[in-house]
Amino acid sequence: KCTTEYEQKCHQEYEQVCNTVNEVKVDYVTKEKCALQTEEQCHNTPEKKCHDVQKPVTKYREEQECHTKYDKECHTTYEQSCKTVHEKQCKTVMEKECTYVDGREKCWDEPREKCWDEPRQQCEQVPKENCKQVPRQDCKTKSV
């Protein structure tokens, strides 16, 4: 008789995790300290001297001069215009025609053209120009 047995084995794994950390670094510097001495130093200092001078000044003032001008603006519209016109209509009709021959009535169909005036509406688009005066300011700047 055969049997399968399972054996449990455990082990540890290591994972490397990195973080960026800001660190304050202080450097200590050793300085040599000396005693102070007073020393007289001389040098030239520029000095600014001012005085008033009369000078002619011309002042300008700007003014705007405006006029109202009118521009003509137009646009076209279309209106329908209709009128009654008459057209001649004709139709061939068969009329019974009869005569007496030897005392007997003899009849036959005779073609005849019948005509009449047929009224109908005839319409067309008629252009109409609409214009209006549009005000606008015309300004000029002048110095006074």
Protein backbone atom coordinates (compact mmCIF):
# COMPACT_ATOMS: atom_id res chain seq x y z
CA LYS A 1 0.00 0.00 0.00
CA CYS A 2 1.36 3.44 -0.98
CA THR A 3 0.54 6.79 0.63
CA THR A 4 1.49 10.35 -0.22
CA GLU A 5 2.51 12.56 2.65
CA TYR A 6 3.06 16.28 2.49
CA GLU A 7 5.69 18.03 4.48
CA GLN A 8 5.36 21.69 5.34
CA LYS A 9 8.55 23.75 5.08
CA CYS A 10 8.73 27.40 6.02
CA HIS A 11 11.43 29.97 5.35
CA GLN A 12 11.82 33.72 5.57
CA GLU A 13 12.42 36.08 2.63
CA TYR A 14 13.69 39.64 2.90
CA GLU A 15 12.54 42.53 0.75
CA GLN A 16 14.42 45.79 0.53
CA VAL A 17 12.19 48.91 1.01
CA CYS A 18 13.67 52.35 0.43
CA ASN A 19 12.32 55.74 1.59
CA THR A 20 13.68 59.16 0.77
CA VAL A 21 14.30 61.05 4.03
CA ASN A 22 15.44 64.65 4.30
CA GLU A 23 18.12 65.06 6.91
CA VAL A 24 19.62 68.25 8.25
CA LYS A 25 23.39 68.15 8.11
CA VAL A 26 25.34 70.62 10.17
CA ASP A 27 28.97 71.39 9.53
CA TYR A 28 30.95 72.90 12.33
CA VAL A 29 33.71 75.23 11.15
CA THR A 30 36.36 76.45 13.45
CA LYS A 31 37.30 80.10 12.89
CA GLU A 32 40.15 82.06 14.26
CA LYS A 33 38.99 85.06 16.30
CA CYS A 34 41.12 88.17 16.48
CA ALA A 35 40.87 91.34 18.56
CA LEU A 36 39.55 94.54 16.93
CA GLN A 37 41.74 97.56 16.36
CA THR A 38 40.60 101.08 15.53
CA GLU A 39 42.18 102.54 12.42
CA GLU A 40 41.50 105.89 10.82
CA GLN A 41 40.74 105.76 7.09
CA CYS A 42 40.15 108.78 4.85
CA HIS A 43 38.45 108.91 1.46
CA ASN A 44 36.73 111.39 -0.88
CA THR A 45 32.90 111.52 -0.75
CA PRO A 46 30.98 112.94 -3.72
CA GLU A 47 28.46 115.59 -2.74
CA LYS A 48 25.43 116.55 -4.80
CA LYS A 49 24.59 120.25 -4.93
CA CYS A 50 21.38 121.43 -6.61
CA HIS A 51 20.02 124.83 -7.69
CA ASP A 52 16.81 125.93 -9.44
CA VAL A 53 16.80 126.90 -13.13
CA GLN A 54 13.85 128.49 -14.91
CA LYS A 55 12.63 126.57 -17.95
CA PRO A 56 9.63 127.27 -20.24
CA VAL A 57 6.89 124.64 -20.10
CA THR A 58 4.13 124.26 -22.68
CA LYS A 59 1.06 122.36 -21.55
CA TYR A 60 -1.33 120.68 -23.93
CA ARG A 61 -4.84 119.56 -23.31
CA GLU A 62 -6.54 117.06 -25.56
CA GLU A 63 -10.18 117.39 -26.51
CA GLN A 64 -12.37 115.07 -28.49
CA GLU A 65 -14.57 116.52 -31.17
CA CYS A 66 -17.41 114.19 -32.22
CA HIS A 67 -20.03 114.32 -34.94
CA THR A 68 -22.89 111.93 -35.51
CA LYS A 69 -22.79 110.42 -38.96
CA TYR A 70 -25.43 108.20 -40.47
CA ASP A 71 -24.64 105.09 -42.45
CA LYS A 72 -27.22 103.58 -44.75
CA GLU A 73 -27.75 99.89 -44.03
CA CYS A 74 -29.89 97.87 -46.40
CA HIS A 75 -31.08 94.30 -46.61
CA THR A 76 -33.29 92.58 -49.13
CA THR A 77 -36.45 90.71 -48.22
CA TYR A 78 -38.72 88.81 -50.55
CA GLU A 79 -42.46 89.15 -50.68
CA GLN A 80 -44.81 86.84 -52.51
CA SER A 81 -46.89 88.56 -55.16
CA CYS A 82 -49.78 86.64 -56.73
CA LYS A 83 -52.19 87.39 -59.54
CA THR A 84 -54.95 85.50 -61.30
CA VAL A 85 -54.18 84.52 -64.88
CA HIS A 86 -56.46 82.78 -67.38
CA GLU A 87 -55.30 79.90 -69.48
CA LYS A 88 -57.25 78.57 -72.42
CA GLN A 89 -58.18 74.92 -71.80
CA CYS A 90 -59.54 72.75 -74.61
CA LYS A 91 -60.99 69.28 -74.65
CA THR A 92 -62.31 67.12 -77.47
CA VAL A 93 -65.78 65.78 -76.72
CA MET A 94 -67.97 63.47 -78.78
CA GLU A 95 -71.39 64.88 -79.60
CA LYS A 96 -74.20 62.89 -81.09
CA GLU A 97 -75.14 64.21 -84.52
CA CYS A 98 -78.38 63.09 -86.18
CA THR A 99 -80.09 63.68 -89.53
CA TYR A 100 -83.07 62.22 -91.35
CA VAL A 101 -82.41 60.28 -94.49
CA ASP A 102 -85.43 58.90 -96.39
CA GLY A 103 -87.54 59.49 -93.32
CA ARG A 104 -85.23 57.53 -91.06
CA GLU A 105 -83.06 59.06 -88.35
CA LYS A 106 -79.38 58.41 -88.83
CA CYS A 107 -77.00 59.27 -85.88
CA TRP A 108 -73.26 59.19 -85.35
CA ASP A 109 -70.67 60.59 -82.92
CA GLU A 110 -69.04 63.78 -84.07
CA PRO A 111 -65.79 65.00 -82.34
CA ARG A 112 -65.98 68.64 -81.26
CA GLU A 113 -63.38 70.81 -79.52
CA LYS A 114 -64.74 72.66 -76.47
CA CYS A 115 -62.58 75.50 -75.07
CA TRP A 116 -62.86 77.71 -71.97
CA ASP A 117 -60.73 80.10 -69.89
CA GLU A 118 -59.39 78.40 -66.76
CA PRO A 119 -58.36 80.83 -63.96
CA ARG A 120 -55.27 79.99 -61.86
CA GLN A 121 -53.01 81.74 -59.35
CA GLN A 122 -49.54 82.70 -60.56
CA CYS A 123 -47.13 83.73 -57.77
CA GLU A 124 -43.57 85.02 -57.73
CA GLN A 125 -41.08 86.23 -55.14
CA VAL A 126 -40.53 89.97 -55.49
CA PRO A 127 -37.35 91.45 -53.92
CA LYS A 128 -37.89 94.43 -51.64
CA GLU A 129 -34.98 96.46 -50.33
CA ASN A 130 -35.32 97.74 -46.76
CA CYS A 131 -32.94 100.51 -45.74
CA LYS A 132 -32.45 102.43 -42.52
CA GLN A 133 -30.11 105.13 -41.30
CA VAL A 134 -27.80 103.90 -38.53
CA PRO A 135 -26.11 106.58 -36.41
CA ARG A 136 -22.42 106.32 -35.53
CA GLN A 137 -20.05 108.65 -33.72
CA ASP A 138 -17.12 110.01 -35.71
CA CYS A 139 -14.58 111.44 -33.22
CA LYS A 140 -11.26 113.21 -33.65
CA THR A 141 -8.79 114.06 -30.89
CA LYS A 142 -7.23 117.52 -31.07
CA SER A 143 -4.73 119.29 -28.86
CA VAL A 144 -5.60 122.73 -27.49
